[in-house]
Protein backbone atom coordinates (compact mmCIF):
# COMPACT_ATOMS: atom_id res chain seq x y z
CA MET A 1 0.00 0.00 0.00
CA SER A 2 1.38 3.41 -0.92
CA LYS A 3 1.17 6.25 1.55
CA ASN A 4 -1.34 8.21 -0.52
CA ASP A 5 -3.90 5.51 -1.16
CA LEU A 6 -5.97 5.72 2.02
CA ALA A 7 -8.51 8.23 3.31
CA LEU A 8 -10.75 8.40 6.37
CA LEU A 9 -14.22 9.89 5.95
CA VAL A 10 -15.22 10.64 9.53
CA LEU A 11 -18.75 11.73 10.38
CA ASP A 12 -19.44 14.01 13.37
CA SER A 13 -20.61 11.03 15.44
CA CYS A 14 -17.15 9.47 15.30
CA LYS A 15 -14.70 12.38 15.39
CA GLU A 16 -12.72 11.35 18.49
CA PHE A 17 -12.40 7.76 17.26
CA GLY A 18 -11.39 8.96 13.79
CA GLU A 19 -8.65 11.18 15.21
CA LYS A 20 -7.24 8.25 17.19
CA VAL A 21 -7.25 6.07 14.07
CA GLU A 22 -5.37 8.78 12.18
CA GLN A 23 -2.81 9.13 14.98
CA ASN A 24 -2.18 5.39 14.93
CA LEU A 25 -1.79 5.41 11.15
CA LEU A 26 0.82 8.17 11.43
CA LYS A 27 2.67 6.17 14.05
CA ILE A 28 2.54 2.91 12.07
CA ARG A 29 3.66 4.60 8.85
CA ASN A 30 6.27 6.72 10.60
CA GLU A 31 4.79 10.03 9.43
CA THR A 32 4.31 13.35 11.18
CA ASP A 33 2.55 15.83 8.91
CA LYS A 34 0.31 13.59 6.76
CA LYS A 35 -3.47 13.97 6.92
CA TYR A 36 -5.61 10.88 6.43
CA ILE A 37 -8.94 12.41 7.47
CA ALA A 38 -10.52 13.93 4.37
CA ARG A 39 -12.54 17.10 4.85
CA LEU A 40 -16.22 16.27 5.00
CA THR A 41 -19.31 18.43 5.44
CA ALA A 42 -22.55 16.85 6.65
CA SER A 43 -25.23 19.52 6.82
CA ARG A 44 -28.98 19.73 7.35
CA PHE A 45 -31.73 21.79 5.81
CA SER A 46 -34.27 23.45 8.09
CA ASN A 47 -36.78 20.64 7.50
CA GLY A 48 -34.32 17.96 8.66
CA GLU A 49 -33.21 16.68 5.27
CA GLY A 50 -29.47 16.28 4.92
CA LYS A 51 -26.62 16.27 2.46
CA VAL A 52 -22.93 15.38 2.47
CA ILE A 53 -20.07 17.05 0.60
CA ILE A 54 -16.57 15.56 0.37
CA ASN A 55 -14.19 18.51 0.12
CA ASP A 56 -10.98 16.58 -0.70
CA SER A 57 -10.14 14.25 -3.56
CA ILE A 58 -10.59 10.55 -2.76
CA ARG A 59 -10.05 9.34 -6.34
CA ASN A 60 -8.60 5.81 -6.46
CA LYS A 61 -8.16 5.77 -2.69
CA GLU A 62 -9.24 3.07 -0.30
CA ILE A 63 -11.70 4.88 1.95
CA TYR A 64 -12.95 4.08 5.42
CA ILE A 65 -16.24 5.65 6.51
CA LEU A 66 -16.44 6.01 10.29
CA CYS A 67 -19.85 6.49 11.91
CA ASP A 68 -21.20 5.76 15.39
CA ILE A 69 -24.92 5.20 14.82
CA GLY A 70 -25.48 5.09 18.59
CA ASN A 71 -24.13 8.58 19.29
CA TYR A 72 -27.09 10.65 20.52
CA SER A 73 -24.94 13.68 21.38
CA VAL A 74 -24.94 14.85 17.75
CA THR A 75 -27.71 17.41 17.25
CA TYR A 76 -28.99 19.70 14.52
CA LYS A 77 -31.65 22.39 14.15
CA CYS A 78 -34.93 21.10 12.74
CA ARG A 79 -37.63 23.72 12.28
CA GLY A 80 -35.88 25.89 14.85
CA LYS A 81 -35.56 23.20 17.52
CA ASP A 82 -32.59 21.10 18.65
CA HIS A 83 -32.96 17.53 17.40
CA GLU A 84 -30.86 14.56 18.52
CA MET A 85 -29.70 12.36 15.68
CA MET A 86 -31.15 8.85 15.83
CA PRO A 87 -29.56 5.65 14.44
CA ASP A 88 -31.69 5.83 11.28
CA GLU A 89 -30.36 9.32 10.54
CA HIS A 90 -26.75 8.29 11.15
CA PHE A 91 -27.22 5.36 8.77
CA GLN A 92 -28.65 7.69 6.12
CA ASP A 93 -25.52 9.83 6.44
CA ILE A 94 -23.35 6.77 5.78
CA LYS A 95 -25.24 6.23 2.53
CA ARG A 96 -24.88 9.92 1.67
CA VAL A 97 -21.09 9.67 2.09
CA ILE A 98 -20.99 6.64 -0.21
CA SER A 99 -23.08 8.53 -2.76
CA ALA A 100 -20.80 11.58 -2.51
CA THR A 101 -17.75 9.50 -3.50
CA CYS A 102 -19.37 9.24 -6.97
CA GLY A 103 -17.71 5.85 -7.50
CA HIS A 104 -14.21 7.40 -7.55
CA SER A 105 -12.79 5.40 -4.65
CA ALA A 106 -10.88 2.14 -5.07
CA LYS A 107 -12.64 0.40 -2.18
CA VAL A 108 -15.21 1.39 0.45
CA THR A 109 -15.13 0.06 4.01
CA VAL A 110 -17.72 1.10 6.60
CA VAL A 111 -16.63 1.15 10.24
CA MET A 112 -19.59 1.06 12.65
CA PRO A 113 -18.56 0.53 16.29
CA LEU A 114 -22.24 -0.31 16.89
CA LEU A 115 -23.77 -2.37 14.09
CA TYR A 116 -26.91 -0.70 12.74
CA GLN A 117 -30.16 -2.47 13.70
CA ALA A 118 -28.16 -5.38 15.16
CA ARG A 119 -30.99 -6.33 17.54
CA GLN A 120 -33.34 -6.80 14.58
CA HIS A 121 -31.22 -9.57 13.10
CA ARG A 122 -33.79 -12.35 12.69
CA ARG A 123 -37.44 -12.62 11.87
CA LYS A 124 -40.25 -14.09 13.91
CA GLY A 125 -43.50 -13.94 12.00
CA ARG A 126 -44.48 -10.74 10.21
CA GLU A 127 -41.73 -8.40 11.31
CA SER A 128 -38.93 -6.51 9.63
CA LEU A 129 -35.42 -7.87 9.16
CA ASP A 130 -33.65 -4.53 9.40
CA CYS A 131 -30.02 -5.53 9.97
CA ALA A 132 -29.87 -7.90 7.00
CA ILE A 133 -31.64 -5.38 4.75
CA ALA A 134 -29.20 -2.63 5.82
CA LEU A 135 -26.16 -4.81 5.03
CA GLN A 136 -27.61 -5.73 1.65
CA GLU A 137 -28.24 -2.06 0.93
CA LEU A 138 -24.63 -1.14 1.73
CA GLU A 139 -23.41 -3.94 -0.50
CA ARG A 140 -25.55 -2.69 -3.40
CA LEU A 141 -24.07 0.78 -2.91
CA GLY A 142 -20.59 -0.64 -3.45
CA VAL A 143 -19.34 -1.27 0.10
CA LYS A 144 -16.82 -4.12 0.14
CA SER A 145 -16.19 -4.49 3.87
CA ILE A 146 -17.87 -3.87 7.25
CA ILE A 147 -15.97 -3.47 10.53
CA THR A 148 -17.90 -3.52 13.80
CA PHE A 149 -17.49 -4.42 17.46
CA ASP A 150 -19.36 -6.94 19.58
CA ALA A 151 -22.19 -7.54 17.10
CA HIS A 152 -25.40 -8.78 18.69
CA ASP A 153 -25.35 -11.77 16.33
CA PRO A 154 -22.43 -11.93 13.87
CA ASN A 155 -24.28 -14.64 11.93
CA VAL A 156 -26.33 -11.85 10.32
CA ILE A 157 -23.52 -11.62 7.76
CA ASN A 158 -25.10 -14.68 6.15
CA ALA A 159 -27.47 -12.17 4.54
CA THR A 160 -24.50 -10.91 2.45
CA PRO A 161 -22.07 -13.85 2.13
CA SER A 162 -19.80 -12.05 -0.37
CA LEU A 163 -19.36 -9.00 1.89
CA SER A 164 -16.28 -8.96 4.10
CA PHE A 165 -17.38 -8.68 7.75
CA ASP A 166 -14.99 -8.19 10.67
CA ASN A 167 -16.52 -8.39 14.15
CA PHE A 168 -14.09 -7.59 16.96
CA TYR A 169 -14.83 -8.41 20.60
CA PRO A 170 -13.53 -5.75 23.06
CA SER A 171 -14.40 -7.88 26.10
CA ASN A 172 -10.86 -8.07 27.53
CA ILE A 173 -10.31 -4.32 27.13
CA ILE A 174 -13.63 -3.60 28.85
CA LEU A 175 -12.72 -5.80 31.80
CA GLU A 176 -9.23 -4.26 32.05
CA GLU A 177 -10.67 -0.73 32.11
CA MET A 178 -13.26 -1.68 34.73
CA ALA A 179 -10.56 -3.19 36.96
CA LYS A 180 -8.31 -0.17 36.43
CA ASN A 181 -11.05 2.25 37.51
CA ASP A 182 -12.09 0.15 40.52
CA PRO A 183 -9.86 -2.78 41.62
CA THR A 184 -12.62 -4.14 43.89
CA ILE A 185 -15.36 -4.07 41.28
CA PHE A 186 -15.40 -7.83 40.74
CA GLU A 187 -15.81 -8.72 44.41
CA ASN A 188 -19.27 -10.12 45.20
CA THR A 189 -20.28 -9.76 41.56
CA ILE A 190 -22.84 -11.63 39.50
CA VAL A 191 -23.08 -11.52 35.70
CA ILE A 192 -26.59 -11.28 34.27
CA SER A 193 -27.61 -11.74 30.63
CA PRO A 194 -30.35 -9.38 29.40
CA ASP A 195 -31.63 -12.02 26.97
CA PHE A 196 -30.92 -15.46 25.54
CA GLY A 197 -28.76 -14.05 22.77
CA ALA A 198 -26.25 -12.63 25.26
CA MET A 199 -25.86 -15.83 27.31
CA GLU A 200 -22.60 -16.86 25.65
CA ARG A 201 -21.08 -13.43 26.29
CA ALA A 202 -22.29 -13.45 29.92
CA ARG A 203 -20.73 -16.87 30.50
CA TYR A 204 -17.45 -15.61 29.04
CA TYR A 205 -17.37 -12.62 31.40
CA ALA A 206 -18.22 -14.84 34.37
CA GLU A 207 -15.43 -17.28 33.57
CA ILE A 208 -12.82 -14.55 33.10
CA ILE A 209 -13.58 -12.77 36.39
CA ARG A 210 -14.34 -16.09 38.16
CA VAL A 211 -17.79 -15.30 39.47
């Protein structure tokens, strides 16, 4: 990979994470003054509709779109009132970024720390199958790879078998940070699963902290 073939398209919901990714890239590639984050403008009209403008060239570059669909701290003015962005709106912005590339990029990877609609990953009766539909939509738009963390059910990738899907589990880091903040936190502790789907994860936590 050459040093000019990669660009980060970071939405407002993921700015801090994007800056850390850029810093690590600079460290790995032994650079000091390079910029990997391309300038991006995500704006809203007064009625809530949005648009995205990519202000730097991304032609023939491998781009990574970073968006945290669970970030409710991002707000915009809608009809004169402050409006918190919901997951659906964040996901729409991801699609707007892809559209704004105009097919000029070499490869598109979407990084979603929280997988969009991950809880709606399977169907029971007459209900929507949102996560699978969202992945299929991204694939049709030209996305080649998805990177996420701790997906509710990573098997949802079966909806798009040709799409690269990396699901990273941050369990050890979470436990380390909890212990660092409070060394006694695991004393007299019990691990509870919120539902059947999280049982495997709950058992893993219980085994690691021996409770």
